[in-house]
């Protein structure tokens, strides 16, 4: 394929991929809705900052209304709640034999497959720490798990080709036949990360706080119970051990996983989640509905009650709407559910 890889969303995830690929000589074109960011990436270049590596790379970038042509490979890297809108804009630019790879958090592969077809959808799991700091600037806080796989479990030539591209950025990237196992694992970890954004404390402080442990464990257990009902066996990564949060597991392995997560997150320059930045810095809506809310909906279809997940969604909405502040008291509204 001679056409550029089209990256739709040049933020924390897409921007880093674009910068690494462009630096390696891979033809790349990024699309973003922030004009100042588009101008910076195409002009003086996108600056990748942080302890992993620092460099500046010019990456061609346009706004959606400026995009022309069709592309065989589109990497979708927008927030989960922006998926539907992005698909409506990008589909006319998807080549007849092309596909969309979801480099997002959540189960967006389901949404993409409904829109462009399951045979034109590839899944990916990313856990590296990154933040959009401002136009033309992205923090690369730490390396972490990167996984790619077809949603039907097959390994095709296109999957292998995209895996090789991901290895340019992350040499340890994994090619899997069970991408859903990683995506559901991330949902369990992600639910806990949303809880850490209920206060101004860092991820590490949250995972290391014994008083917050029961609520964090309870959230992960609700997700893992739902994953099991879906017939999925979630995979471990970066300190998150799904088996420790299964309904039949005791507290000891769950507490050990929290300790491992505290250690893992203590080693990154990204001290707080992107969820925290959405709430405290950028003052915008989070991905709580398509990441946490959707699990509660799936659980309900299986007859599984998820009081912690439902309360977490409500608390995040309260902060988004200015009805609550980010504090330890807000976090412990979750703890009250356990009483």
Protein backbone atom coordinates (compact mmCIF):
# COMPACT_ATOMS: atom_id res chain seq x y z
CA UNK A 1 0.00 0.00 0.00
CA UNK A 2 1.49 3.29 -1.10
CA UNK A 3 -1.07 5.65 0.44
CA UNK A 4 -0.25 7.20 3.82
CA UNK A 5 -1.50 5.72 7.07
CA UNK A 6 -4.34 8.06 8.04
CA UNK A 7 -4.48 8.74 11.79
CA UNK A 8 -7.81 10.24 12.81
CA UNK A 9 -7.12 12.06 16.07
CA UNK A 10 -3.65 13.48 16.71
CA UNK A 11 -3.85 13.60 20.49
CA UNK A 12 -2.02 11.59 23.13
CA UNK A 13 -2.33 8.22 21.37
CA UNK A 14 -2.51 9.15 17.70
CA UNK A 15 0.03 11.94 17.91
CA UNK A 16 2.73 9.70 19.36
CA UNK A 17 2.09 7.02 16.75
CA UNK A 18 2.23 9.62 13.99
CA UNK A 19 5.47 11.16 15.23
CA UNK A 20 7.24 7.80 15.52
CA UNK A 21 6.04 6.55 12.17
CA UNK A 22 6.90 9.80 10.37
CA UNK A 23 10.37 9.81 11.93
CA UNK A 24 10.89 6.26 10.64
CA UNK A 25 9.95 7.32 7.12
CA UNK A 26 6.46 5.81 7.09
CA UNK A 27 4.04 7.99 5.05
CA UNK A 28 1.57 9.42 7.57
CA UNK A 29 -1.25 11.92 7.48
CA UNK A 30 -3.01 12.97 10.68
CA UNK A 31 -6.45 14.53 11.09
CA UNK A 32 -7.39 16.65 14.10
CA UNK A 33 -10.12 19.14 15.00
CA UNK A 34 -7.84 21.64 16.80
CA UNK A 35 -6.53 24.08 14.17
CA UNK A 36 -3.57 25.28 16.28
CA UNK A 37 -2.45 21.70 16.84
CA UNK A 38 -2.81 20.91 13.14
CA UNK A 39 -0.70 23.94 12.24
CA UNK A 40 2.00 23.07 14.78
CA UNK A 41 2.30 19.43 13.68
CA UNK A 42 2.57 20.36 10.00
CA UNK A 43 4.74 23.43 10.60
CA UNK A 44 7.52 23.40 13.18
CA UNK A 45 6.63 19.83 14.12
CA UNK A 46 5.08 17.79 16.88
CA UNK A 47 7.20 17.82 20.05
CA UNK A 48 7.28 14.55 21.99
CA UNK A 49 8.39 15.26 25.55
CA UNK A 50 9.12 13.18 28.63
CA UNK A 51 11.46 10.60 30.09
CA UNK A 52 11.03 7.98 27.38
CA UNK A 53 12.39 10.11 24.55
CA UNK A 54 12.29 13.71 23.39
CA UNK A 55 12.21 14.75 19.76
CA UNK A 56 10.39 17.04 17.37
CA UNK A 57 8.94 15.69 14.14
CA UNK A 58 7.03 17.33 11.33
CA UNK A 59 3.90 15.26 10.67
CA UNK A 60 1.48 16.31 7.93
CA UNK A 61 -1.83 17.13 9.57
CA UNK A 62 -5.16 18.55 8.39
CA UNK A 63 -8.57 19.34 9.81
CA UNK A 64 -11.47 17.06 8.76
CA UNK A 65 -12.83 19.60 6.28
CA UNK A 66 -9.43 19.83 4.57
CA UNK A 67 -9.05 16.08 4.02
CA UNK A 68 -9.33 14.68 0.51
CA UNK A 69 -8.81 11.24 -1.04
CA UNK A 70 -9.28 7.70 0.21
CA UNK A 71 -7.03 5.62 2.45
CA UNK A 72 -6.50 1.91 2.91
CA UNK A 73 -5.37 2.14 6.55
CA UNK A 74 -7.14 4.41 9.02
CA UNK A 75 -6.11 4.44 12.67
CA UNK A 76 -8.93 5.83 14.79
CA UNK A 77 -7.50 7.51 17.90
CA UNK A 78 -10.27 9.77 19.17
CA UNK A 79 -11.99 9.64 22.55
CA UNK A 80 -14.55 6.85 22.76
CA UNK A 81 -17.54 9.20 22.87
CA UNK A 82 -16.32 10.87 19.66
CA UNK A 83 -16.26 7.57 17.73
CA UNK A 84 -19.66 7.87 16.05
CA UNK A 85 -18.99 11.40 14.82
CA UNK A 86 -15.50 10.54 13.61
CA UNK A 87 -16.80 7.49 11.71
CA UNK A 88 -19.38 9.60 9.92
CA UNK A 89 -16.58 11.91 8.74
CA UNK A 90 -13.94 9.30 7.91
CA UNK A 91 -16.04 6.65 6.16
CA UNK A 92 -16.14 8.54 2.82
CA UNK A 93 -12.33 8.51 2.94
CA UNK A 94 -12.04 4.75 3.60
CA UNK A 95 -10.92 2.85 0.50
CA UNK A 96 -13.12 0.01 -0.72
CA UNK A 97 -10.50 -2.53 0.40
CA UNK A 98 -9.49 -0.54 3.48
CA UNK A 99 -9.93 -1.02 7.21
CA UNK A 100 -10.14 0.94 10.45
CA UNK A 101 -7.91 0.10 13.42
CA UNK A 102 -9.20 1.29 16.80
CA UNK A 103 -6.35 2.67 18.93
CA UNK A 104 -8.77 3.69 21.68
CA UNK A 105 -9.99 2.73 25.12
CA UNK A 106 -13.24 0.82 25.43
CA UNK A 107 -15.15 -1.52 23.14
CA UNK A 108 -15.18 0.83 20.17
CA UNK A 109 -14.44 -2.05 17.81
CA UNK A 110 -18.12 -2.98 18.18
CA UNK A 111 -19.20 0.50 17.07
CA UNK A 112 -16.73 0.57 14.18
CA UNK A 113 -17.81 -2.88 12.98
CA UNK A 114 -21.45 -1.80 12.94
CA UNK A 115 -20.52 1.24 10.89
CA UNK A 116 -18.00 -0.06 8.34
CA UNK A 117 -18.32 -3.84 8.71
CA UNK A 118 -16.64 -6.39 10.96
CA UNK A 119 -14.34 -7.48 8.13
CA UNK A 120 -13.00 -3.91 7.91
CA UNK A 121 -12.31 -3.53 11.65
CA UNK A 122 -9.11 -4.30 13.58
CA UNK A 123 -8.73 -4.04 17.34
CA UNK A 124 -5.85 -2.67 19.37
CA UNK A 125 -5.03 -2.28 23.04
CA UNK A 126 -2.74 0.53 24.18
CA UNK A 127 -1.67 1.26 27.75
CA UNK A 128 1.29 3.61 27.38
CA UNK A 129 1.14 6.85 29.35
CA UNK A 130 0.66 10.00 27.30
CA UNK A 131 -1.02 13.40 27.58
CA UNK A 132 -1.85 16.14 25.09
CA UNK A 133 -0.20 19.15 26.73
CA UNK A 134 -1.01 21.79 24.13
CA UNK A 135 -0.78 22.53 20.40
CA UNK A 136 2.19 20.63 19.01
CA UNK A 137 3.17 19.12 22.40
CA UNK A 138 2.55 15.64 23.78
CA UNK A 139 3.94 14.08 26.96
CA UNK A 140 5.17 10.50 26.55
CA UNK A 141 5.20 9.42 30.20
CA UNK A 142 6.05 5.73 30.01
CA UNK A 143 6.12 2.67 27.82
CA UNK A 144 3.51 -0.02 28.45
CA UNK A 145 1.59 -2.82 26.77
CA UNK A 146 0.57 -2.48 23.11
CA UNK A 147 -1.44 -5.29 21.49
CA UNK A 148 -3.11 -5.71 18.08
CA UNK A 149 -5.54 -8.35 16.83
CA UNK A 150 -8.43 -9.03 14.48
CA UNK A 151 -11.83 -9.00 16.17
CA UNK A 152 -12.61 -12.47 14.77
CA UNK A 153 -9.34 -13.92 16.08
CA UNK A 154 -7.78 -14.59 12.70
CA UNK A 155 -4.27 -13.40 11.85
CA UNK A 156 -4.12 -11.90 8.37
CA UNK A 157 -1.43 -10.28 6.27
CA UNK A 158 -2.86 -6.88 7.13
CA UNK A 159 -2.70 -7.65 10.86
CA UNK A 160 0.92 -8.67 10.58
CA UNK A 161 1.69 -5.52 8.58
CA UNK A 162 0.09 -3.26 11.20
CA UNK A 163 1.87 -5.19 13.94
CA UNK A 164 5.20 -4.40 12.26
CA UNK A 165 4.24 -0.74 12.14
CA UNK A 166 3.39 -0.76 15.85
CA UNK A 167 6.77 -2.33 16.59
CA UNK A 168 8.42 0.81 15.21
CA UNK A 169 6.89 2.60 18.18
CA UNK A 170 6.82 -0.25 20.70
CA UNK A 171 9.27 -3.10 19.94
CA UNK A 172 7.45 -5.36 22.43
CA UNK A 173 4.05 -4.93 20.74
CA UNK A 174 2.05 -8.17 20.79
CA UNK A 175 0.10 -9.78 17.94
CA UNK A 176 -2.80 -11.70 19.47
CA UNK A 177 -5.64 -13.97 18.39
CA UNK A 178 -7.74 -12.79 21.36
CA UNK A 179 -7.88 -8.98 21.33
CA UNK A 180 -11.12 -9.02 23.33
CA UNK A 181 -9.25 -10.53 26.28
CA UNK A 182 -7.00 -7.46 26.41
CA UNK A 183 -9.81 -4.98 25.79
CA UNK A 184 -11.87 -6.40 28.65
CA UNK A 185 -8.81 -6.43 30.89
CA UNK A 186 -8.35 -2.73 30.14
CA UNK A 187 -12.00 -2.11 31.03
CA UNK A 188 -11.40 -3.56 34.50
CA UNK A 189 -8.30 -1.45 35.01
CA UNK A 190 -10.03 1.51 33.37
CA UNK A 191 -12.91 1.42 35.84
CA UNK A 192 -10.39 1.81 38.64
CA UNK A 193 -8.66 4.64 36.78
CA UNK A 194 -11.96 6.50 36.51
CA UNK A 195 -12.29 6.14 40.27
CA UNK A 196 -8.85 7.69 40.78
CA UNK A 197 -10.13 10.78 38.94
CA UNK A 198 -12.76 11.36 41.62
CA UNK A 199 -10.06 13.10 43.67
CA UNK A 200 -7.01 15.20 42.87
CA UNK A 201 -4.67 12.47 44.13
CA UNK A 202 -2.32 10.66 41.77
CA UNK A 203 -2.94 7.18 40.43
CA UNK A 204 -0.23 5.81 42.71
CA UNK A 205 -1.72 7.48 45.80
CA UNK A 206 -5.09 5.96 45.01
CA UNK A 207 -3.80 2.42 44.45
CA UNK A 208 -1.64 2.61 47.59
CA UNK A 209 -4.42 3.85 49.89
CA UNK A 210 -5.86 0.95 51.95
CA UNK A 211 -9.08 2.90 52.55
CA UNK A 212 -9.74 3.07 48.79
CA UNK A 213 -8.81 -0.55 48.11
CA UNK A 214 -12.25 -2.10 48.71
CA UNK A 215 -13.99 0.21 46.22
CA UNK A 216 -11.25 -0.22 43.60
CA UNK A 217 -11.36 -3.99 43.99
CA UNK A 218 -15.14 -4.00 43.84
CA UNK A 219 -15.16 -2.07 40.56
CA UNK A 220 -12.73 -4.47 38.92
CA UNK A 221 -14.72 -7.44 40.19
CA UNK A 222 -17.92 -6.14 38.61
CA UNK A 223 -16.14 -5.77 35.25
CA UNK A 224 -14.47 -9.19 35.45
CA UNK A 225 -17.77 -10.87 36.34
CA UNK A 226 -19.29 -9.27 33.26
CA UNK A 227 -16.36 -10.32 31.08
CA UNK A 228 -16.80 -13.91 32.23
CA UNK A 229 -20.51 -13.74 31.38
CA UNK A 230 -19.48 -12.53 27.90
CA UNK A 231 -17.29 -15.62 27.54
CA UNK A 232 -14.06 -13.62 27.73
CA UNK A 233 -10.95 -14.57 29.73
CA UNK A 234 -9.18 -11.22 30.25
CA UNK A 235 -5.40 -11.04 29.96
CA UNK A 236 -2.96 -9.54 32.47
CA UNK A 237 -0.78 -6.52 31.73
CA UNK A 238 1.38 -3.94 33.54
CA UNK A 239 0.40 -4.95 37.08
CA UNK A 240 -3.28 -5.58 36.42
CA UNK A 241 -4.06 -9.24 37.05
CA UNK A 242 -7.64 -10.02 35.97
CA UNK A 243 -7.75 -13.38 37.75
CA UNK A 244 -7.23 -11.56 41.05
CA UNK A 245 -10.60 -9.83 40.62
CA UNK A 246 -12.69 -12.78 39.52
CA UNK A 247 -15.71 -13.54 41.72
CA UNK A 248 -14.08 -16.66 43.15
CA UNK A 249 -10.74 -14.97 43.98
CA UNK A 250 -9.98 -13.82 47.51
CA UNK A 251 -8.77 -10.46 48.74
CA UNK A 252 -5.09 -11.39 48.91
CA UNK A 253 -4.44 -11.55 45.15
CA UNK A 254 -6.58 -8.45 44.59
CA UNK A 255 -4.59 -6.47 47.13
CA UNK A 256 -1.36 -7.66 45.54
CA UNK A 257 -2.55 -6.44 42.15
CA UNK A 258 -3.31 -3.02 43.66
CA UNK A 259 0.22 -2.95 45.06
CA UNK A 260 1.63 -3.88 41.65
CA UNK A 261 -0.41 -1.13 40.00
CA UNK A 262 0.83 1.41 42.54
CA UNK A 263 4.42 0.43 41.74
CA UNK A 264 3.85 0.51 37.98
CA UNK A 265 2.24 3.95 38.07
CA UNK A 266 4.92 5.33 40.38
CA UNK A 267 7.41 5.02 37.52
CA UNK A 268 5.66 7.22 34.97
CA UNK A 269 5.85 10.96 34.36
CA UNK A 270 2.10 10.78 33.76
CA UNK A 271 0.98 10.93 37.39
CA UNK A 272 -2.74 11.39 36.71
CA UNK A 273 -5.10 9.91 34.16
CA UNK A 274 -6.35 11.56 31.01
CA UNK A 275 -9.73 11.40 32.76
CA UNK A 276 -8.36 13.66 35.48
CA UNK A 277 -7.04 16.08 32.85
CA UNK A 278 -10.43 16.13 31.12
CA UNK A 279 -12.12 17.07 34.40
CA UNK A 280 -9.56 19.30 36.11
CA UNK A 281 -7.61 20.88 33.25
CA UNK A 282 -9.56 20.76 30.00
CA UNK A 283 -12.99 21.02 31.68
CA UNK A 284 -14.71 18.70 29.23
CA UNK A 285 -16.76 15.52 29.18
CA UNK A 286 -14.97 12.23 29.82
CA UNK A 287 -15.33 8.79 28.25
CA UNK A 288 -17.16 7.43 31.28
CA UNK A 289 -20.33 6.41 29.41
CA UNK A 290 -18.72 4.37 26.58
CA UNK A 291 -16.13 2.86 28.92
CA UNK A 292 -17.83 2.33 32.28
CA UNK A 293 -21.49 2.84 31.49
CA UNK A 294 -21.42 0.38 28.63
CA UNK A 295 -20.11 -2.38 30.92
CA UNK A 296 -23.00 -1.77 33.32
CA UNK A 297 -25.40 -2.06 30.37
CA UNK A 298 -23.84 -5.31 29.17
CA UNK A 299 -23.90 -6.65 32.74
CA UNK A 300 -27.60 -5.85 33.06
CA UNK A 301 -28.32 -7.94 29.96
CA UNK A 302 -26.73 -10.87 31.79
CA UNK A 303 -28.71 -10.17 34.96
CA UNK A 304 -25.58 -8.93 36.77
CA UNK A 305 -25.96 -6.02 39.18
CA UNK A 306 -23.16 -3.44 39.07
CA UNK A 307 -23.87 -0.87 41.81
CA UNK A 308 -20.29 0.40 41.97
CA UNK A 309 -20.00 0.94 38.23
CA UNK A 310 -23.35 2.73 38.11
CA UNK A 311 -22.39 4.95 41.06
CA UNK A 312 -19.03 5.73 39.46
CA UNK A 313 -20.74 6.92 36.28
CA UNK A 314 -23.06 9.15 38.31
CA UNK A 315 -20.18 10.65 40.31
CA UNK A 316 -18.13 11.43 37.20
CA UNK A 317 -21.20 13.10 35.69
CA UNK A 318 -21.60 15.15 38.87
CA UNK A 319 -18.04 16.44 38.54
CA UNK A 320 -18.50 17.12 34.82
CA UNK A 321 -21.63 19.15 35.58
CA UNK A 322 -20.05 21.08 38.45
CA UNK A 323 -22.20 19.46 41.15
CA UNK A 324 -19.27 17.88 43.01
CA UNK A 325 -15.60 18.67 43.44
CA UNK A 326 -12.71 16.25 43.00
CA UNK A 327 -11.92 15.13 46.54
CA UNK A 328 -11.40 12.18 48.84
CA UNK A 329 -14.98 12.69 50.04
CA UNK A 330 -16.24 12.25 46.50
CA UNK A 331 -14.19 9.07 46.11
CA UNK A 332 -15.65 7.66 49.30
CA UNK A 333 -19.17 8.08 47.93
CA UNK A 334 -18.12 4.87 46.14
CA UNK A 335 -17.08 3.27 49.41
CA UNK A 336 -20.55 3.93 50.84
CA UNK A 337 -21.98 1.58 48.19
CA UNK A 338 -20.14 -1.28 49.89
CA UNK A 339 -21.74 -0.65 53.29
